[in-house]
Protein backbone atom coordinates (compact mmCIF):
# COMPACT_ATOMS: atom_id res chain seq x y z
CA UNK A 1 156.49 144.02 63.19
CA UNK A 2 155.88 142.65 59.69
CA UNK A 3 157.66 139.53 58.58
CA UNK A 4 160.88 140.72 56.86
CA UNK A 5 160.36 138.60 53.76
CA UNK A 6 156.68 139.16 53.12
CA UNK A 7 154.68 142.36 52.97
CA UNK A 8 150.87 142.37 52.89
CA UNK A 9 149.34 141.94 49.41
CA UNK A 10 152.66 140.77 47.99
CA UNK A 11 152.44 139.03 44.62
CA UNK A 12 154.81 136.38 45.97
CA UNK A 13 153.04 134.89 48.96
CA UNK A 14 155.08 131.72 49.22
CA UNK A 15 158.74 132.78 49.22
CA UNK A 16 158.91 133.19 53.01
CA UNK A 17 157.27 129.78 53.32
CA UNK A 18 159.52 128.01 50.80
CA UNK A 19 161.13 125.60 53.25
CA UNK A 20 157.80 124.50 54.74
CA UNK A 21 156.25 124.30 51.27
CA UNK A 22 159.00 121.99 50.04
CA UNK A 23 158.91 119.77 53.12
CA UNK A 24 155.22 119.54 53.90
CA UNK A 25 153.15 119.88 50.74
CA UNK A 26 151.74 116.43 49.82
CA UNK A 27 152.59 114.51 46.67
CA UNK A 28 149.84 113.54 44.25
CA UNK A 29 148.33 110.06 43.73
CA UNK A 30 149.86 107.88 41.04
CA UNK A 31 146.35 107.02 39.84
CA UNK A 32 145.97 110.66 38.73
CA UNK A 33 149.04 110.41 36.50
CA UNK A 34 148.00 107.02 35.15
CA UNK A 35 144.66 108.44 34.06
CA UNK A 36 146.06 111.70 32.72
CA UNK A 37 148.93 110.22 30.74
CA UNK A 38 146.63 107.89 28.83
CA UNK A 39 145.57 111.02 26.89
CA UNK A 40 149.09 112.31 26.19
CA UNK A 41 150.33 110.94 22.82
CA UNK A 42 154.01 111.93 23.23
CA UNK A 43 156.24 112.08 26.30
CA UNK A 44 159.14 114.24 25.21
CA UNK A 45 158.51 117.52 27.07
CA UNK A 46 156.30 118.48 30.00
CA UNK A 47 155.94 121.95 31.49
CA UNK A 48 154.87 122.18 35.14
CA UNK A 49 153.59 125.75 35.37
CA UNK A 50 153.59 127.32 38.81
CA UNK A 51 155.66 124.38 40.00
CA UNK A 52 156.36 125.63 43.51
CA UNK A 53 159.14 123.48 44.94
CA UNK A 54 158.56 120.76 42.37
CA UNK A 55 156.18 118.13 43.75
CA UNK A 56 154.47 117.46 40.40
CA UNK A 57 157.60 118.08 38.32
CA UNK A 58 159.40 115.26 40.10
CA UNK A 59 156.52 112.91 39.38
CA UNK A 60 156.48 113.92 35.71
CA UNK A 61 160.19 113.17 35.41
CA UNK A 62 159.36 109.49 35.79
CA UNK A 63 157.43 109.62 32.51
CA UNK A 64 158.95 112.35 30.30
CA UNK A 65 162.32 112.79 28.62
CA UNK A 66 162.52 116.39 29.85
CA UNK A 67 160.51 118.50 32.31
CA UNK A 68 160.52 122.28 32.72
CA UNK A 69 159.31 123.53 36.08
CA UNK A 70 158.66 127.26 36.32
CA UNK A 71 157.53 129.55 39.11
CA UNK A 72 157.57 133.27 39.88
CA UNK A 73 159.18 132.62 43.26
CA UNK A 74 162.96 132.40 43.26
CA UNK A 75 162.84 131.00 46.79
CA UNK A 76 160.52 128.14 45.85
CA UNK A 77 162.66 127.25 42.85
CA UNK A 78 165.75 127.37 45.05
CA UNK A 79 164.06 124.87 47.39
CA UNK A 80 163.53 122.38 44.55
CA UNK A 81 166.30 119.74 44.49
CA UNK A 82 168.32 119.16 41.34
CA UNK A 83 167.17 116.40 39.00
CA UNK A 84 168.83 115.31 35.75
CA UNK A 85 165.57 115.48 33.78
CA UNK A 86 164.21 118.72 35.24
CA UNK A 87 165.09 122.28 34.24
CA UNK A 88 164.00 124.84 36.83
CA UNK A 89 163.08 128.33 35.64
CA UNK A 90 162.04 131.50 37.43
CA UNK A 91 159.50 133.51 35.47
CA UNK A 92 155.93 134.28 34.55
CA UNK A 93 153.59 131.63 33.18
CA UNK A 94 152.75 134.17 30.48
CA UNK A 95 156.31 134.02 29.10
CA UNK A 96 157.66 130.49 29.44
CA UNK A 97 160.50 130.81 26.94
CA UNK A 98 159.45 127.47 25.43
CA UNK A 99 159.29 126.93 21.68
CA UNK A 100 156.07 126.98 19.68
CA UNK A 101 154.25 123.62 19.45
CA UNK A 102 156.88 121.93 21.64
CA UNK A 103 155.13 120.82 24.84
CA UNK A 104 153.28 117.52 25.11
CA UNK A 105 151.77 118.16 28.55
CA UNK A 106 151.27 121.27 30.68
CA UNK A 107 150.42 120.72 34.32
CA UNK A 108 149.15 123.25 36.85
CA UNK A 109 149.22 121.50 40.22
CA UNK A 110 147.41 123.58 42.87
CA UNK A 111 148.47 126.70 40.97
CA UNK A 112 146.00 127.68 38.22
CA UNK A 113 143.98 129.97 40.52
CA UNK A 114 147.03 132.22 40.93
CA UNK A 115 147.61 132.79 37.19
CA UNK A 116 146.69 135.71 34.90
CA UNK A 117 144.44 133.36 32.98
CA UNK A 118 144.08 135.09 29.60
CA UNK A 119 147.84 135.55 29.26
CA UNK A 120 148.61 132.05 30.52
CA UNK A 121 146.09 130.38 28.22
CA UNK A 122 147.51 132.26 25.22
CA UNK A 123 150.97 131.01 26.18
CA UNK A 124 149.66 127.47 26.68
CA UNK A 125 148.08 127.42 23.24
CA UNK A 126 151.31 128.72 21.73
CA UNK A 127 153.61 126.12 23.27
CA UNK A 128 151.37 123.04 23.23
CA UNK A 129 152.11 120.56 20.48
CA UNK A 130 149.26 119.50 18.18
CA UNK A 131 146.88 117.42 20.33
CA UNK A 132 148.92 118.41 23.37
CA UNK A 133 147.22 118.21 26.76
CA UNK A 134 146.83 120.67 29.62
CA UNK A 135 145.83 119.50 33.09
CA UNK A 136 145.00 121.49 36.21
CA UNK A 137 144.21 120.05 39.59
CA UNK A 138 143.42 121.35 43.02
CA UNK A 139 142.82 119.82 46.40
CA UNK A 140 140.21 121.33 48.66
CA UNK A 141 139.98 121.76 52.42
CA UNK A 142 142.01 119.44 54.58
CA UNK A 143 140.32 116.87 56.82
CA UNK A 144 142.14 115.27 59.75
CA UNK A 145 141.31 111.98 61.45
CA UNK A 146 139.63 112.53 64.80
CA UNK A 147 136.60 114.75 65.35
CA UNK A 148 138.18 116.99 67.99
CA UNK A 149 141.47 117.34 66.12
CA UNK A 150 139.70 118.17 62.87
CA UNK A 151 137.53 120.77 64.62
CA UNK A 152 140.64 122.62 65.82
CA UNK A 153 142.12 122.60 62.31
CA UNK A 154 138.86 123.82 60.73
CA UNK A 155 138.54 126.65 63.27
CA UNK A 156 142.11 127.69 62.51
CA UNK A 157 141.40 127.69 58.77
CA UNK A 158 138.07 129.51 58.86
CA UNK A 159 138.27 131.71 61.97
CA UNK A 160 141.90 132.47 62.77
CA UNK A 161 142.92 132.74 59.10
CA UNK A 162 139.54 133.51 57.55
CA UNK A 163 140.38 137.15 56.75
CA UNK A 164 143.85 136.32 55.44
CA UNK A 165 142.96 134.13 52.48
CA UNK A 166 143.25 135.98 49.17
CA UNK A 167 140.23 136.16 46.80
CA UNK A 168 141.84 133.54 44.55
CA UNK A 169 141.31 130.97 47.29
CA UNK A 170 137.61 130.71 46.44
CA UNK A 171 138.55 128.81 43.28
CA UNK A 172 140.10 126.12 45.45
CA UNK A 173 136.96 126.01 47.58
CA UNK A 174 134.80 125.64 44.45
CA UNK A 175 137.21 123.02 43.04
CA UNK A 176 137.99 125.04 39.89
CA UNK A 177 134.41 124.76 38.62
CA UNK A 178 134.20 128.57 38.21
CA UNK A 179 137.51 128.94 36.35
CA UNK A 180 137.47 129.39 32.60
CA UNK A 181 139.15 126.44 30.86
CA UNK A 182 139.10 127.12 27.09
CA UNK A 183 140.21 123.73 25.78
CA UNK A 184 138.47 120.64 24.50
CA UNK A 185 137.73 119.12 27.89
CA UNK A 186 138.22 115.47 28.77
CA UNK A 187 136.14 114.08 31.65
CA UNK A 188 138.12 113.09 34.73
CA UNK A 189 137.11 111.16 37.85
CA UNK A 190 137.35 112.60 41.37
CA UNK A 191 140.37 111.68 43.48
CA UNK A 192 141.25 111.65 47.14
CA UNK A 193 144.68 112.70 48.29
CA UNK A 194 145.54 110.94 51.55
CA UNK A 195 148.66 110.80 53.74
CA UNK A 196 149.55 109.58 57.20
CA UNK A 197 151.12 112.40 59.20
CA UNK A 198 152.53 113.05 62.63
CA UNK A 199 151.56 116.21 64.49
CA UNK A 200 154.79 117.92 63.39
CA UNK A 201 154.04 117.18 59.74
CA UNK A 202 150.50 118.56 60.02
CA UNK A 203 151.78 121.73 61.69
CA UNK A 204 154.40 122.13 58.97
CA UNK A 205 151.63 121.94 56.38
CA UNK A 206 149.56 124.58 58.21
CA UNK A 207 152.63 126.82 58.27
CA UNK A 208 152.95 126.51 54.48
CA UNK A 209 149.54 128.09 53.82
CA UNK A 210 149.53 131.45 52.07
CA UNK A 211 147.07 132.77 54.68
CA UNK A 212 149.53 131.86 57.42
CA UNK A 213 152.18 133.89 55.64
CA UNK A 214 149.84 136.86 55.33
CA UNK A 215 148.97 136.64 59.03
CA UNK A 216 152.68 136.63 59.96
CA UNK A 217 153.32 139.58 57.65
CA UNK A 218 150.60 141.66 59.30
CA UNK A 219 151.08 140.68 62.94
CA UNK A 220 154.66 139.49 63.29
CA UNK A 221 153.81 136.25 65.08
CA UNK A 222 153.12 132.71 63.95
CA UNK A 223 149.46 131.71 64.50
CA UNK A 224 150.28 128.00 64.28
CA UNK A 225 151.92 128.18 67.72
CA UNK A 226 148.54 128.53 69.43
CA UNK A 227 146.96 125.78 67.36
CA UNK A 228 149.96 123.56 68.12
CA UNK A 229 149.24 123.85 71.84
CA UNK A 230 145.61 122.85 71.29
CA UNK A 231 146.49 119.92 69.05
CA UNK A 232 149.21 118.63 71.38
CA UNK A 233 146.62 118.03 74.09
CA UNK A 234 144.40 116.06 71.68
CA UNK A 235 146.85 114.22 69.42
CA UNK A 236 148.24 111.59 71.79
CA UNK A 237 151.86 110.59 71.32
CA UNK A 238 153.39 113.24 69.00
CA UNK A 239 154.87 110.52 66.76
CA UNK A 240 151.54 108.78 66.30
CA UNK A 241 150.16 109.03 62.78
CA UNK A 242 146.71 110.25 61.77
CA UNK A 243 145.11 110.17 58.33
CA UNK A 244 145.03 113.56 56.61
CA UNK A 245 143.01 113.84 53.40
CA UNK A 246 141.79 116.21 50.73
CA UNK A 247 139.28 115.88 47.88
CA UNK A 248 141.18 116.43 44.63
CA UNK A 249 139.66 117.71 41.39
CA UNK A 250 141.32 117.22 38.00
CA UNK A 251 140.50 119.11 34.81
CA UNK A 252 142.02 117.93 31.52
CA UNK A 253 141.92 119.72 28.18
CA UNK A 254 143.34 119.14 24.74
CA UNK A 255 144.63 121.69 22.28
CA UNK A 256 142.19 121.75 19.38
């Protein structure tokens, strides 16, 4: 039986996974924001487009007077906690509702590959202030400490879920190098996103993948249960922590 909240080929792949997405998606390194914000002349308004449950929006609230976080998924927005500086909106990135020339920074954190790019870029150019900045970043395939543990995770990603990743996923695999980015580009260094996780945290992250949601929708069972059994035998004490890391690519552009 299909998952009741997600049908195959749904435009909203993450709503059924909103709780796991909010709890288990990693936060981004402060060094990324330090580098990015050096190019942002004003810090009045930031728009986090495709904000999910708000990981990047919360970080931006430390630096900006006001942050708008928008996403197509009502469930993801509902999972984002209230914050006095953040306004959550449900809607398309092609129609933000923001004023012309009003936004100092647009961020797309692990989201640009999902967007209708021509429409989004037109909206970005409309709302960006003169010399405003747009930044998109993506983290690639997860790596887990321990050769045997990592092998199980990679088999789950490529074999169990291989047919369930949408075509947009290839842009994550190619680290956004094939995506059009029609702005005056600013070079950015590579980053590594790294966390220390227990087995439960890693499994929560695997459950938050869009491909996991598609698998559940088509088969009615959770494929992470089988991988959990394999990992339990390899992990050691379930509360022990292993390093989990991703290569992170940042692209920065300025409105001409």
